[in-house]
PDB file of N, CA and C in Angstrom:
ATOM      1  N   VAL A   1     -23.705 -94.102  86.717  1.00  0.00           N
ATOM      2  CA  VAL A   1     -23.304 -95.114  87.687  1.00  0.00           C
ATOM      3  C   VAL A   1     -22.432 -96.137  86.976  1.00  0.00           C
ATOM      4  N   GLN A   2     -21.235 -96.321  87.467  1.00  0.00           N
ATOM      5  CA  GLN A   2     -20.333 -97.338  86.903  1.00  0.00           C
ATOM      6  C   GLN A   2     -20.424 -98.609  87.720  1.00  0.00           C
ATOM      7  N   LEU A   3     -20.808 -99.678  87.069  1.00  0.00           N
ATOM      8  CA  LEU A   3     -20.907-100.969  87.732  1.00  0.00           C
ATOM      9  C   LEU A   3     -19.670-101.797  87.447  1.00  0.00           C
ATOM     10  N   GLN A   4     -19.258-102.540  88.441  1.00  0.00           N
ATOM     11  CA  GLN A   4     -18.108-103.430  88.277  1.00  0.00           C
ATOM     12  C   GLN A   4     -18.540-104.844  88.615  1.00  0.00           C
ATOM     13  N   ALA A   5     -18.398-105.727  87.646  1.00  0.00           N
ATOM     14  CA  ALA A   5     -18.719-107.135  87.845  1.00  0.00           C
ATOM     15  C   ALA A   5     -17.421-107.926  87.944  1.00  0.00           C
ATOM     16  N   SER A   6     -17.397-108.886  88.842  1.00  0.00           N
ATOM     17  CA  SER A   6     -16.197-109.694  89.019  1.00  0.00           C
ATOM     18  C   SER A   6     -16.582-111.099  89.437  1.00  0.00           C
ATOM     19  N   GLY A   7     -15.604-111.992  89.396  1.00  0.00           N
ATOM     20  CA  GLY A   7     -15.814-113.344  89.896  1.00  0.00           C
ATOM     21  C   GLY A   7     -15.880-114.429  88.843  1.00  0.00           C
ATOM     22  N   GLY A   8     -15.846-114.054  87.575  1.00  0.00           N
ATOM     23  CA  GLY A   8     -15.900-115.072  86.536  1.00  0.00           C
ATOM     24  C   GLY A   8     -14.632-115.905  86.489  1.00  0.00           C
ATOM     25  N   GLY A   9     -14.686-116.971  85.707  1.00  0.00           N
ATOM     26  CA  GLY A   9     -13.514-117.825  85.576  1.00  0.00           C
ATOM     27  C   GLY A   9     -13.834-119.094  84.827  1.00  0.00           C
ATOM     28  N   LEU A  10     -12.847-119.989  84.814  1.00  0.00           N
ATOM     29  CA  LEU A  10     -12.984-121.284  84.146  1.00  0.00           C
ATOM     30  C   LEU A  10     -13.152-122.365  85.215  1.00  0.00           C
ATOM     31  N   VAL A  11     -14.260-123.087  85.132  1.00  0.00           N
ATOM     32  CA  VAL A  11     -14.533-124.155  86.083  1.00  0.00           C
ATOM     33  C   VAL A  11     -15.022-125.390  85.328  1.00  0.00           C
ATOM     34  N   GLN A  12     -15.117-126.489  86.054  1.00  0.00           N
ATOM     35  CA  GLN A  12     -15.641-127.713  85.471  1.00  0.00           C
ATOM     36  C   GLN A  12     -17.128-127.850  85.786  1.00  0.00           C
ATOM     37  N   ALA A  13     -17.792-128.629  84.988  1.00  0.00           N
ATOM     38  CA  ALA A  13     -19.210-128.884  85.230  1.00  0.00           C
ATOM     39  C   ALA A  13     -19.401-129.412  86.645  1.00  0.00           C
ATOM     40  N   GLY A  14     -20.411-128.886  87.319  1.00  0.00           N
ATOM     41  CA  GLY A  14     -20.689-129.276  88.690  1.00  0.00           C
ATOM     42  C   GLY A  14     -20.065-128.359  89.731  1.00  0.00           C
ATOM     43  N   ASP A  15     -19.122-127.541  89.305  1.00  0.00           N
ATOM     44  CA  ASP A  15     -18.462-126.613  90.224  1.00  0.00           C
ATOM     45  C   ASP A  15     -19.345-125.398  90.497  1.00  0.00           C
ATOM     46  N   PHE A  16     -18.811-124.467  91.274  1.00  0.00           N
ATOM     47  CA  PHE A  16     -19.551-123.265  91.591  1.00  0.00           C
ATOM     48  C   PHE A  16     -18.675-122.040  91.391  1.00  0.00           C
ATOM     49  N   LEU A  17     -19.342-120.908  91.221  1.00  0.00           N
ATOM     50  CA  LEU A  17     -18.697-119.601  91.169  1.00  0.00           C
ATOM     51  C   LEU A  17     -19.610-118.592  91.848  1.00  0.00           C
ATOM     52  N   ARG A  18     -19.026-117.517  92.311  1.00  0.00           N
ATOM     53  CA  ARG A  18     -19.806-116.424  92.890  1.00  0.00           C
ATOM     54  C   ARG A  18     -19.417-115.143  92.176  1.00  0.00           C
ATOM     55  N   LEU A  19     -20.377-114.545  91.526  1.00  0.00           N
ATOM     56  CA  LEU A  19     -20.151-113.277  90.863  1.00  0.00           C
ATOM     57  C   LEU A  19     -20.584-112.142  91.785  1.00  0.00           C
ATOM     58  N   SER A  20     -19.901-111.032  91.663  1.00  0.00           N
ATOM     59  CA  SER A  20     -20.222-109.892  92.497  1.00  0.00           C
ATOM     60  C   SER A  20     -20.341-108.650  91.623  1.00  0.00           C
ATOM     61  N   CYS A  21     -21.286-107.804  91.952  1.00  0.00           N
ATOM     62  CA  CYS A  21     -21.512-106.562  91.211  1.00  0.00           C
ATOM     63  C   CYS A  21     -21.556-105.424  92.214  1.00  0.00           C
ATOM     64  N   GLY A  22     -20.767-104.413  91.967  1.00  0.00           N
ATOM     65  CA  GLY A  22     -20.737-103.273  92.856  1.00  0.00           C
ATOM     66  C   GLY A  22     -20.705-101.964  92.102  1.00  0.00           C
ATOM     67  N   ALA A  23     -20.950-100.901  92.828  1.00  0.00           N
ATOM     68  CA  ALA A  23     -20.904 -99.553  92.269  1.00  0.00           C
ATOM     69  C   ALA A  23     -20.111 -98.688  93.233  1.00  0.00           C
ATOM     70  N   PRO A  24     -18.804 -98.726  93.105  1.00  0.00           N
ATOM     71  CA  PRO A  24     -17.954 -97.984  94.047  1.00  0.00           C
ATOM     72  C   PRO A  24     -18.338 -96.519  94.170  1.00  0.00           C
ATOM     73  N   GLY A  25     -18.481 -96.070  95.391  1.00  0.00           N
ATOM     74  CA  GLY A  25     -18.809 -94.675  95.627  1.00  0.00           C
ATOM     75  C   GLY A  25     -20.280 -94.354  95.543  1.00  0.00           C
ATOM     76  N   ARG A  26     -21.092 -95.386  95.261  1.00  0.00           N
ATOM     77  CA  ARG A  26     -22.532 -95.174  95.138  1.00  0.00           C
ATOM     78  C   ARG A  26     -23.269 -95.950  96.215  1.00  0.00           C
ATOM     79  N   ALA A  27     -24.433 -95.407  96.612  1.00  0.00           N
ATOM     80  CA  ALA A  27     -25.309 -96.136  97.525  1.00  0.00           C
ATOM     81  C   ALA A  27     -26.052 -97.177  96.704  1.00  0.00           C
ATOM     82  N   PHE A  28     -25.451 -98.346  96.575  1.00  0.00           N
ATOM     83  CA  PHE A  28     -25.963 -99.369  95.681  1.00  0.00           C
ATOM     84  C   PHE A  28     -27.319 -99.895  96.090  1.00  0.00           C
ATOM     85  N   ASN A  29     -27.656 -99.719  97.368  1.00  0.00           N
ATOM     86  CA  ASN A  29     -28.954-100.214  97.822  1.00  0.00           C
ATOM     87  C   ASN A  29     -30.104 -99.326  97.378  1.00  0.00           C
ATOM     88  N   SER A  30     -29.811 -98.313  96.559  1.00  0.00           N
ATOM     89  CA  SER A  30     -30.873 -97.499  95.958  1.00  0.00           C
ATOM     90  C   SER A  30     -31.344 -98.070  94.625  1.00  0.00           C
ATOM     91  N   TYR A  31     -30.705 -99.145  94.187  1.00  0.00           N
ATOM     92  CA  TYR A  31     -30.952 -99.680  92.858  1.00  0.00           C
ATOM     93  C   TYR A  31     -31.444-101.125  92.911  1.00  0.00           C
ATOM     94  N   ALA A  32     -32.413-101.438  92.055  1.00  0.00           N
ATOM     95  CA  ALA A  32     -32.722-102.836  91.775  1.00  0.00           C
ATOM     96  C   ALA A  32     -31.645-103.352  90.830  1.00  0.00           C
ATOM     97  N   VAL A  33     -31.306-104.619  90.952  1.00  0.00           N
ATOM     98  CA  VAL A  33     -30.186-105.186  90.193  1.00  0.00           C
ATOM     99  C   VAL A  33     -30.626-106.430  89.432  1.00  0.00           C
ATOM    100  N   GLY A  34     -30.079-106.568  88.265  1.00  0.00           N
ATOM    101  CA  GLY A  34     -30.328-107.768  87.468  1.00  0.00           C
ATOM    102  C   GLY A  34     -29.031-108.336  86.945  1.00  0.00           C
ATOM    103  N   TRP A  35     -29.020-109.633  86.735  1.00  0.00           N
ATOM    104  CA  TRP A  35     -27.908-110.305  86.060  1.00  0.00           C
ATOM    105  C   TRP A  35     -28.426-110.866  84.737  1.00  0.00           C
ATOM    106  N   PHE A  36     -27.647-110.662  83.708  1.00  0.00           N
ATOM    107  CA  PHE A  36     -27.941-111.177  82.375  1.00  0.00           C
ATOM    108  C   PHE A  36     -26.702-111.904  81.867  1.00  0.00           C
ATOM    109  N   ARG A  37     -26.885-112.693  80.832  1.00  0.00           N
ATOM    110  CA  ARG A  37     -25.727-113.360  80.242  1.00  0.00           C
ATOM    111  C   ARG A  37     -25.889-113.442  78.730  1.00  0.00           C
ATOM    112  N   GLN A  38     -24.744-113.530  78.076  1.00  0.00           N
ATOM    113  CA  GLN A  38     -24.743-113.664  76.625  1.00  0.00           C
ATOM    114  C   GLN A  38     -23.712-114.702  76.226  1.00  0.00           C
ATOM    115  N   ALA A  39     -24.220-115.775  75.670  1.00  0.00           N
ATOM    116  CA  ALA A  39     -23.354-116.841  75.180  1.00  0.00           C
ATOM    117  C   ALA A  39     -22.929-116.534  73.748  1.00  0.00           C
ATOM    118  N   PRO A  40     -21.816-117.105  73.298  1.00  0.00           N
ATOM    119  CA  PRO A  40     -21.360-116.849  71.933  1.00  0.00           C
ATOM    120  C   PRO A  40     -22.431-117.177  70.903  1.00  0.00           C
ATOM    121  N   GLY A  41     -22.704-116.220  70.033  1.00  0.00           N
ATOM    122  CA  GLY A  41     -23.671-116.428  68.970  1.00  0.00           C
ATOM    123  C   GLY A  41     -25.124-116.349  69.393  1.00  0.00           C
ATOM    124  N   LYS A  42     -25.352-115.980  70.648  1.00  0.00           N
ATOM    125  CA  LYS A  42     -26.736-115.914  71.148  1.00  0.00           C
ATOM    126  C   LYS A  42     -27.038-114.511  71.655  1.00  0.00           C
ATOM    127  N   GLU A  43     -28.321-114.256  71.820  1.00  0.00           N
ATOM    128  CA  GLU A  43     -28.731-112.970  72.350  1.00  0.00           C
ATOM    129  C   GLU A  43     -28.572-112.947  73.869  1.00  0.00           C
ATOM    130  N   ARG A  44     -28.475-111.745  74.395  1.00  0.00           N
ATOM    131  CA  ARG A  44     -28.395-111.592  75.839  1.00  0.00           C
ATOM    132  C   ARG A  44     -29.700-112.075  76.466  1.00  0.00           C
ATOM    133  N   GLU A  45     -29.581-112.810  77.569  1.00  0.00           N
ATOM    134  CA  GLU A  45     -30.773-113.328  78.227  1.00  0.00           C
ATOM    135  C   GLU A  45     -30.767-113.020  79.712  1.00  0.00           C
ATOM    136  N   PHE A  46     -31.940-112.951  80.257  1.00  0.00           N
ATOM    137  CA  PHE A  46     -32.129-112.689  81.676  1.00  0.00           C
ATOM    138  C   PHE A  46     -31.710-113.904  82.491  1.00  0.00           C
ATOM    139  N   VAL A  47     -31.061-113.645  83.634  1.00  0.00           N
ATOM    140  CA  VAL A  47     -30.664-114.714  84.541  1.00  0.00           C
ATOM    141  C   VAL A  47     -31.388-114.595  85.881  1.00  0.00           C
ATOM    142  N   ALA A  48     -31.270-113.438  86.523  1.00  0.00           N
ATOM    143  CA  ALA A  48     -31.863-113.257  87.842  1.00  0.00           C
ATOM    144  C   ALA A  48     -31.967-111.771  88.127  1.00  0.00           C
ATOM    145  N   ALA A  49     -32.893-111.424  89.034  1.00  0.00           N
ATOM    146  CA  ALA A  49     -33.060-110.027  89.427  1.00  0.00           C
ATOM    147  C   ALA A  49     -33.454-109.966  90.884  1.00  0.00           C
ATOM    148  N   ILE A  50     -33.121-108.842  91.511  1.00  0.00           N
ATOM    149  CA  ILE A  50     -33.421-108.675  92.917  1.00  0.00           C
ATOM    150  C   ILE A  50     -33.844-107.236  93.170  1.00  0.00           C
ATOM    151  N   SER A  51     -34.767-107.064  94.100  1.00  0.00           N
ATOM    152  CA  SER A  51     -35.230-105.730  94.451  1.00  0.00           C
ATOM    153  C   SER A  51     -34.161-104.980  95.240  1.00  0.00           C
ATOM    154  N   LYS A  52     -34.336-103.697  95.399  1.00  0.00           N
ATOM    155  CA  LYS A  52     -33.290-102.939  96.081  1.00  0.00           C
ATOM    156  C   LYS A  52     -33.216-103.281  97.558  1.00  0.00           C
ATOM    157  N   SER A  53     -34.312-103.724  98.131  1.00  0.00           N
ATOM    158  CA  SER A  53     -34.289-104.144  99.535  1.00  0.00           C
ATOM    159  C   SER A  53     -33.700-105.545  99.694  1.00  0.00           C
ATOM    160  N   GLY A  54     -33.704-106.301  98.593  1.00  0.00           N
ATOM    161  CA  GLY A  54     -33.259-107.687  98.664  1.00  0.00           C
ATOM    162  C   GLY A  54     -34.357-108.652  99.047  1.00  0.00           C
ATOM    163  N   SER A  55     -35.555-108.143  99.267  1.00  0.00           N
ATOM    164  CA  SER A  55     -36.647-108.993  99.745  1.00  0.00           C
ATOM    165  C   SER A  55     -37.323-109.784  98.627  1.00  0.00           C
ATOM    166  N   MET A  56     -37.158-109.339  97.394  1.00  0.00           N
ATOM    167  CA  MET A  56     -37.808-109.998  96.260  1.00  0.00           C
ATOM    168  C   MET A  56     -36.763-110.380  95.224  1.00  0.00           C
ATOM    169  N   ALA A  57     -36.884-111.590  94.692  1.00  0.00           N
ATOM    170  CA  ALA A  57     -35.950-112.056  93.673  1.00  0.00           C
ATOM    171  C   ALA A  57     -36.693-112.962  92.694  1.00  0.00           C
ATOM    172  N   VAL A  58     -36.158-113.037  91.488  1.00  0.00           N
ATOM    173  CA  VAL A  58     -36.768-113.871  90.458  1.00  0.00           C
ATOM    174  C   VAL A  58     -35.649-114.451  89.603  1.00  0.00           C
ATOM    175  N   TYR A  59     -35.907-115.631  89.034  1.00  0.00           N
ATOM    176  CA  TYR A  59     -34.884-116.343  88.281  1.00  0.00           C
ATOM    177  C   TYR A  59     -35.424-116.852  86.944  1.00  0.00           C
ATOM    178  N   ALA A  60     -34.535-116.970  85.986  1.00  0.00           N
ATOM    179  CA  ALA A  60     -34.875-117.665  84.756  1.00  0.00           C
ATOM    180  C   ALA A  60     -35.056-119.144  85.079  1.00  0.00           C
ATOM    181  N   ASP A  61     -35.931-119.802  84.353  1.00  0.00           N
ATOM    182  CA  ASP A  61     -36.179-121.220  84.599  1.00  0.00           C
ATOM    183  C   ASP A  61     -34.901-122.050  84.472  1.00  0.00           C
ATOM    184  N   SER A  62     -34.020-121.634  83.588  1.00  0.00           N
ATOM    185  CA  SER A  62     -32.813-122.414  83.317  1.00  0.00           C
ATOM    186  C   SER A  62     -31.830-122.427  84.489  1.00  0.00           C
ATOM    187  N   VAL A  63     -31.975-121.491  85.427  1.00  0.00           N
ATOM    188  CA  VAL A  63     -31.034-121.422  86.543  1.00  0.00           C
ATOM    189  C   VAL A  63     -31.720-121.614  87.891  1.00  0.00           C
ATOM    190  N   LYS A  64     -33.027-121.699  87.885  1.00  0.00           N
ATOM    191  CA  LYS A  64     -33.776-121.811  89.129  1.00  0.00           C
ATOM    192  C   LYS A  64     -33.327-123.059  89.895  1.00  0.00           C
ATOM    193  N   GLY A  65     -33.068-122.877  91.176  1.00  0.00           N
ATOM    194  CA  GLY A  65     -32.626-123.995  91.998  1.00  0.00           C
ATOM    195  C   GLY A  65     -31.120-124.174  92.019  1.00  0.00           C
ATOM    196  N   ARG A  66     -30.424-123.525  91.105  1.00  0.00           N
ATOM    197  CA  ARG A  66     -28.956-123.628  91.068  1.00  0.00           C
ATOM    198  C   ARG A  66     -28.288-122.288  91.384  1.00  0.00           C
ATOM    199  N   PHE A  67     -28.902-121.206  90.979  1.00  0.00           N
ATOM    200  CA  PHE A  67     -28.337-119.871  91.187  1.00  0.00           C
ATOM    201  C   PHE A  67     -29.119-119.149  92.282  1.00  0.00           C
ATOM    202  N   THR A  68     -28.425-118.317  93.022  1.00  0.00           N
ATOM    203  CA  THR A  68     -29.051-117.491  94.047  1.00  0.00           C
ATOM    204  C   THR A  68     -28.514-116.072  93.947  1.00  0.00           C
ATOM    205  N   ILE A  69     -29.426-115.129  93.818  1.00  0.00           N
ATOM    206  CA  ILE A  69     -29.036-113.719  93.800  1.00  0.00           C
ATOM    207  C   ILE A  69     -29.274-113.137  95.194  1.00  0.00           C
ATOM    208  N   SER A  70     -28.375-112.297  95.640  1.00  0.00           N
ATOM    209  CA  SER A  70     -28.502-111.734  96.975  1.00  0.00           C
ATOM    210  C   SER A  70     -27.839-110.366  97.003  1.00  0.00           C
ATOM    211  N   ARG A  71     -28.092-109.662  98.075  1.00  0.00           N
ATOM    212  CA  ARG A  71     -27.483-108.361  98.259  1.00  0.00           C
ATOM    213  C   ARG A  71     -26.677-108.389  99.552  1.00  0.00           C
ATOM    214  N   ASP A  72     -25.550-107.742  99.518  1.00  0.00           N
ATOM    215  CA  ASP A  72     -24.740-107.565 100.720  1.00  0.00           C
ATOM    216  C   ASP A  72     -24.659-106.057 100.929  1.00  0.00           C
ATOM    217  N   HIS A  73     -25.532-105.553 101.787  1.00  0.00           N
ATOM    218  CA  HIS A  73     -25.586-104.100 101.965  1.00  0.00           C
ATOM    219  C   HIS A  73     -24.321-103.574 102.640  1.00  0.00           C
ATOM    220  N   ALA A  74     -23.685-104.398 103.446  1.00  0.00           N
ATOM    221  CA  ALA A  74     -22.455-103.966 104.107  1.00  0.00           C
ATOM    222  C   ALA A  74     -21.333-103.765 103.091  1.00  0.00           C
ATOM    223  N   LYS A  75     -21.287-104.661 102.105  1.00  0.00           N
ATOM    224  CA  LYS A  75     -20.253-104.573 101.067  1.00  0.00           C
ATOM    225  C   LYS A  75     -20.697-103.735  99.881  1.00  0.00           C
ATOM    226  N   ASN A  76     -21.990-103.363  99.871  1.00  0.00           N
ATOM    227  CA  ASN A  76     -22.509-102.557  98.763  1.00  0.00           C
ATOM    228  C   ASN A  76     -22.439-103.310  97.438  1.00  0.00           C
ATOM    229  N   THR A  77     -22.816-104.586  97.489  1.00  0.00           N
ATOM    230  CA  THR A  77     -22.774-105.407  96.284  1.00  0.00           C
ATOM    231  C   THR A  77     -24.062-106.195  96.109  1.00  0.00           C
ATOM    232  N   ALA A  78     -24.242-106.696  94.898  1.00  0.00           N
ATOM    233  CA  ALA A  78     -25.286-107.668  94.595  1.00  0.00           C
ATOM    234  C   ALA A  78     -24.572-108.867  93.987  1.00  0.00           C
ATOM    235  N   ASP A  79     -24.771-110.031  94.563  1.00  0.00           N
ATOM    236  CA  ASP A  79     -23.988-111.204  94.199  1.00  0.00           C
ATOM    237  C   ASP A  79     -24.853-112.279  93.542  1.00  0.00           C
ATOM    238  N   LEU A  80     -24.202-113.086  92.728  1.00  0.00           N
ATOM    239  CA  LEU A  80     -24.882-114.211  92.088  1.00  0.00           C
ATOM    240  C   LEU A  80     -24.087-115.469  92.404  1.00  0.00           C
ATOM    241  N   GLN A  81     -24.628-116.288  93.274  1.00  0.00           N
ATOM    242  CA  GLN A  81     -24.017-117.567  93.610  1.00  0.00           C
ATOM    243  C   GLN A  81     -24.493-118.592  92.598  1.00  0.00           C
ATOM    244  N   MET A  82     -23.543-119.198  91.906  1.00  0.00           N
ATOM    245  CA  MET A  82     -23.888-120.142  90.849  1.00  0.00           C
ATOM    246  C   MET A  82     -23.344-121.514  91.228  1.00  0.00           C
ATOM    247  N   ASN A  83     -24.254-122.432  91.509  1.00  0.00           N
ATOM    248  CA  ASN A  83     -23.884-123.793  91.876  1.00  0.00           C
ATOM    249  C   ASN A  83     -24.237-124.772  90.763  1.00  0.00           C
ATOM    250  N   SER A  84     -23.673-125.930  90.839  1.00  0.00           N
ATOM    251  CA  SER A  84     -23.967-126.997  89.862  1.00  0.00           C
ATOM    252  C   SER A  84     -23.896-126.477  88.433  1.00  0.00           C
ATOM    253  N   LEU A  85     -22.807-125.822  88.140  1.00  0.00           N
ATOM    254  CA  LEU A  85     -22.665-125.198  86.826  1.00  0.00           C
ATOM    255  C   LEU A  85     -22.638-126.239  85.713  1.00  0.00           C
ATOM    256  N   LYS A  86     -23.200-125.842  84.594  1.00  0.00           N
ATOM    257  CA  LYS A  86     -23.278-126.698  83.417  1.00  0.00           C
ATOM    258  C   LYS A  86     -22.554-126.021  82.249  1.00  0.00           C
ATOM    259  N   PRO A  87     -22.105-126.790  81.272  1.00  0.00           N
ATOM    260  CA  PRO A  87     -21.455-126.165  80.103  1.00  0.00           C
ATOM    261  C   PRO A  87     -22.345-125.115  79.440  1.00  0.00           C
ATOM    262  N   GLU A  88     -23.646-125.312  79.472  1.00  0.00           N
ATOM    263  CA  GLU A  88     -24.546-124.338  78.850  1.00  0.00           C
ATOM    264  C   GLU A  88     -24.662-123.032  79.623  1.00  0.00           C
ATOM    265  N   ASP A  89     -24.048-122.970  80.800  1.00  0.00           N
ATOM    266  CA  ASP A  89     -23.985-121.714  81.546  1.00  0.00           C
ATOM    267  C   ASP A  89     -22.831-120.831  81.061  1.00  0.00           C
ATOM    268  N   THR A  90     -22.014-121.356  80.176  1.00  0.00           N
ATOM    269  CA  THR A  90     -20.892-120.585  79.649  1.00  0.00           C
ATOM    270  C   THR A  90     -21.396-119.345  78.922  1.00  0.00           C
ATOM    271  N   ALA A  91     -20.906-118.193  79.357  1.00  0.00           N
ATOM    272  CA  ALA A  91     -21.361-116.916  78.800  1.00  0.00           C
ATOM    273  C   ALA A  91     -20.591-115.778  79.451  1.00  0.00           C
ATOM    274  N   VAL A  92     -20.755-114.595  78.879  1.00  0.00           N
ATOM    275  CA  VAL A  92     -20.340-113.374  79.570  1.00  0.00           C
ATOM    276  C   VAL A  92     -21.531-112.923  80.405  1.00  0.00           C
ATOM    277  N   TYR A  93     -21.291-112.726  81.676  1.00  0.00           N
ATOM    278  CA  TYR A  93     -22.343-112.334  82.610  1.00  0.00           C
ATOM    279  C   TYR A  93     -22.241-110.837  82.879  1.00  0.00           C
ATOM    280  N   TYR A  94     -23.388-110.178  82.771  1.00  0.00           N
ATOM    281  CA  TYR A  94     -23.457-108.746  82.989  1.00  0.00           C
ATOM    282  C   TYR A  94     -24.386-108.438  84.156  1.00  0.00           C
ATOM    283  N   CYS A  95     -23.986-107.484  84.983  1.00  0.00           N
ATOM    284  CA  CYS A  95     -24.919-106.980  85.972  1.00  0.00           C
ATOM    285  C   CYS A  95     -25.443-105.638  85.492  1.00  0.00           C
ATOM    286  N   ALA A  96     -26.649-105.325  85.927  1.00  0.00           N
ATOM    287  CA  ALA A  96     -27.306-104.090  85.533  1.00  0.00           C
ATOM    288  C   ALA A  96     -28.052-103.528  86.725  1.00  0.00           C
ATOM    289  N   ALA A  97     -28.221-102.215  86.737  1.00  0.00           N
ATOM    290  CA  ALA A  97     -28.877-101.561  87.861  1.00  0.00           C
ATOM    291  C   ALA A  97     -29.903-100.559  87.375  1.00  0.00           C
ATOM    292  N   LYS A  98     -30.968-100.451  88.171  1.00  0.00           N
ATOM    293  CA  LYS A  98     -32.040 -99.508  87.860  1.00  0.00           C
ATOM    294  C   LYS A  98     -32.421 -98.770  89.128  1.00  0.00           C
ATOM    295  N   SER A  99     -32.390 -97.463  89.056  1.00  0.00           N
ATOM    296  CA  SER A  99     -32.872 -96.664  90.175  1.00  0.00           C
ATOM    297  C   SER A  99     -34.393 -96.783  90.245  1.00  0.00           C
ATOM    298  N   THR A 100     -34.893 -97.060  91.427  1.00  0.00           N
ATOM    299  CA  THR A 100     -36.336 -97.246  91.575  1.00  0.00           C
ATOM    300  C   THR A 100     -36.779 -96.796  92.959  1.00  0.00           C
ATOM    301  N   PRO A 101     -37.977 -96.211  93.070  1.00  0.00           N
ATOM    302  CA  PRO A 101     -38.472 -95.822  94.389  1.00  0.00           C
ATOM    303  C   PRO A 101     -39.028 -97.010  95.174  1.00  0.00           C
ATOM    304  N   SER A 102     -39.273 -98.106  94.476  1.00  0.00           N
ATOM    305  CA  SER A 102     -39.886 -99.264  95.117  1.00  0.00           C
ATOM    306  C   SER A 102     -38.839-100.140  95.780  1.00  0.00           C
ATOM    307  N   SER A 103     -39.099-100.551  97.003  1.00  0.00           N
ATOM    308  CA  SER A 103     -38.162-101.427  97.700  1.00  0.00           C
ATOM    309  C   SER A 103     -38.345-102.885  97.298  1.00  0.00           C
ATOM    310  N   ARG A 104     -39.471-103.200  96.629  1.00  0.00           N
ATOM    311  CA  ARG A 104     -39.773-104.595  96.331  1.00  0.00           C
ATOM    312  C   ARG A 104     -39.791-104.922  94.837  1.00  0.00           C
ATOM    313  N   ALA A 105     -39.687-103.919  93.995  1.00  0.00           N
ATOM    314  CA  ALA A 105     -39.775-104.160  92.550  1.00  0.00           C
ATOM    315  C   ALA A 105     -38.500-104.788  92.017  1.00  0.00           C
ATOM    316  N   TYR A 106     -38.666-105.715  91.077  1.00  0.00           N
ATOM    317  CA  TYR A 106     -37.531-106.266  90.352  1.00  0.00           C
ATOM    318  C   TYR A 106     -37.892-106.246  88.870  1.00  0.00           C
ATOM    319  N   TYR A 107     -36.893-106.359  88.040  1.00  0.00           N
ATOM    320  CA  TYR A 107     -37.089-106.143  86.615  1.00  0.00           C
ATOM    321  C   TYR A 107     -36.367-107.225  85.823  1.00  0.00           C
ATOM    322  N   THR A 108     -37.099-107.856  84.906  1.00  0.00           N
ATOM    323  CA  THR A 108     -36.514-108.958  84.146  1.00  0.00           C
ATOM    324  C   THR A 108     -36.119-108.561  82.726  1.00  0.00           C
ATOM    325  N   GLY A 109     -36.587-107.422  82.271  1.00  0.00           N
ATOM    326  CA  GLY A 109     -36.267-106.999  80.915  1.00  0.00           C
ATOM    327  C   GLY A 109     -35.021-106.142  80.880  1.00  0.00           C
ATOM    328  N   SER A 110     -34.145-106.424  79.930  1.00  0.00           N
ATOM    329  CA  SER A 110     -32.904-105.648  79.850  1.00  0.00           C
ATOM    330  C   SER A 110     -33.180-104.175  79.566  1.00  0.00           C
ATOM    331  N   GLU A 111     -34.291-103.901  78.916  1.00  0.00           N
ATOM    332  CA  GLU A 111     -34.608-102.508  78.571  1.00  0.00           C
ATOM    333  C   GLU A 111     -34.955-101.669  79.806  1.00  0.00           C
ATOM    334  N   SER A 112     -35.193-102.333  80.910  1.00  0.00           N
ATOM    335  CA  SER A 112     -35.523-101.615  82.144  1.00  0.00           C
ATOM    336  C   SER A 112     -34.310-100.987  82.809  1.00  0.00           C
ATOM    337  N   TYR A 113     -33.145-101.468  82.460  1.00  0.00           N
ATOM    338  CA  TYR A 113     -31.940-101.077  83.172  1.00  0.00           C
ATOM    339  C   TYR A 113     -31.157 -99.990  82.442  1.00  0.00           C
ATOM    340  N   ALA A 114     -30.786 -98.971  83.194  1.00  0.00           N
ATOM    341  CA  ALA A 114     -30.037 -97.864  82.608  1.00  0.00           C
ATOM    342  C   ALA A 114     -28.529 -98.035  82.737  1.00  0.00           C
ATOM    343  N   TYR A 115     -28.114 -98.827  83.718  1.00  0.00           N
ATOM    344  CA  TYR A 115     -26.683 -98.929  84.007  1.00  0.00           C
ATOM    345  C   TYR A 115     -26.233-100.381  83.890  1.00  0.00           C
ATOM    346  N   TRP A 116     -25.075-100.563  83.240  1.00  0.00           N
ATOM    347  CA  TRP A 116     -24.557-101.896  82.974  1.00  0.00           C
ATOM    348  C   TRP A 116     -23.079-101.986  83.333  1.00  0.00           C
ATOM    349  N   GLY A 117     -22.698-103.153  83.818  1.00  0.00           N
ATOM    350  CA  GLY A 117     -21.294-103.423  84.054  1.00  0.00           C
ATOM    351  C   GLY A 117     -20.623-103.915  82.789  1.00  0.00           C
ATOM    352  N   GLN A 118     -19.328-104.166  82.881  1.00  0.00           N
ATOM    353  CA  GLN A 118     -18.550-104.518  81.696  1.00  0.00           C
ATOM    354  C   GLN A 118     -18.625-105.984  81.332  1.00  0.00           C
ATOM    355  N   GLY A 119     -19.148-106.801  82.193  1.00  0.00           N
ATOM    356  CA  GLY A 119     -19.255-108.227  81.924  1.00  0.00           C
ATOM    357  C   GLY A 119     -18.084-109.005  82.488  1.00  0.00           C
ATOM    358  N   THR A 120     -18.363-110.212  82.910  1.00  0.00           N
ATOM    359  CA  THR A 120     -17.331-111.115  83.393  1.00  0.00           C
ATOM    360  C   THR A 120     -17.576-112.492  82.781  1.00  0.00           C
ATOM    361  N   LEU A 121     -16.520-113.100  82.270  1.00  0.00           N
ATOM    362  CA  LEU A 121     -16.656-114.341  81.519  1.00  0.00           C
ATOM    363  C   LEU A 121     -16.687-115.549  82.443  1.00  0.00           C
ATOM    364  N   VAL A 122     -17.686-116.381  82.236  1.00  0.00           N
ATOM    365  CA  VAL A 122     -17.800-117.656  82.929  1.00  0.00           C
ATOM    366  C   VAL A 122     -17.702-118.761  81.882  1.00  0.00           C
ATOM    367  N   THR A 123     -16.746-119.651  82.075  1.00  0.00           N
ATOM    368  CA  THR A 123     -16.569-120.773  81.167  1.00  0.00           C
ATOM    369  C   THR A 123     -16.661-122.062  81.964  1.00  0.00           C
ATOM    370  N   VAL A 124     -17.585-122.928  81.556  1.00  0.00           N
ATOM    371  CA  VAL A 124     -17.790-124.193  82.240  1.00  0.00           C
ATOM    372  C   VAL A 124     -17.427-125.325  81.282  1.00  0.00           C
ATOM    373  N   SER A 125     -16.415-126.087  81.639  1.00  0.00           N
ATOM    374  CA  SER A 125     -15.980-127.185  80.779  1.00  0.00           C
ATOM    375  C   SER A 125     -16.679-128.476  81.192  1.00  0.00           C
ATOM    376  N   SER A 126     -16.880-129.338  80.228  1.00  0.00           N
ATOM    377  CA  SER A 126     -17.585-130.602  80.504  1.00  0.00           C
ATOM    378  C   SER A 126     -16.620-131.698  80.934  1.00  0.00           C
TER     379      SER A 126
END
């Protein structure tokens, strides 16, 4: 499964961005999806995850209340709405997908995911 992540860019602190992750030609609603990020010099960290039905979602404490993960089944995407961005949100953001029989399961560990997108850079200036 080839994932495509898009929507990154350069914004100022307090601004917003919306990232989108898709799998062209695939029934993306068969997969649970996660977003991770990696800042320069740091390890990749979990950001948010959503079940394949979209009914269950979980967030890292650092983004809770500012980021929202959702699914658009019509567009076959999983999106990450990022509001009130901070300079510490600067990172390459990766989406990942896991095939699962459960409609409600979500996964926070990167080792759970078999498929990864190429990453999209988000830069937040102060």
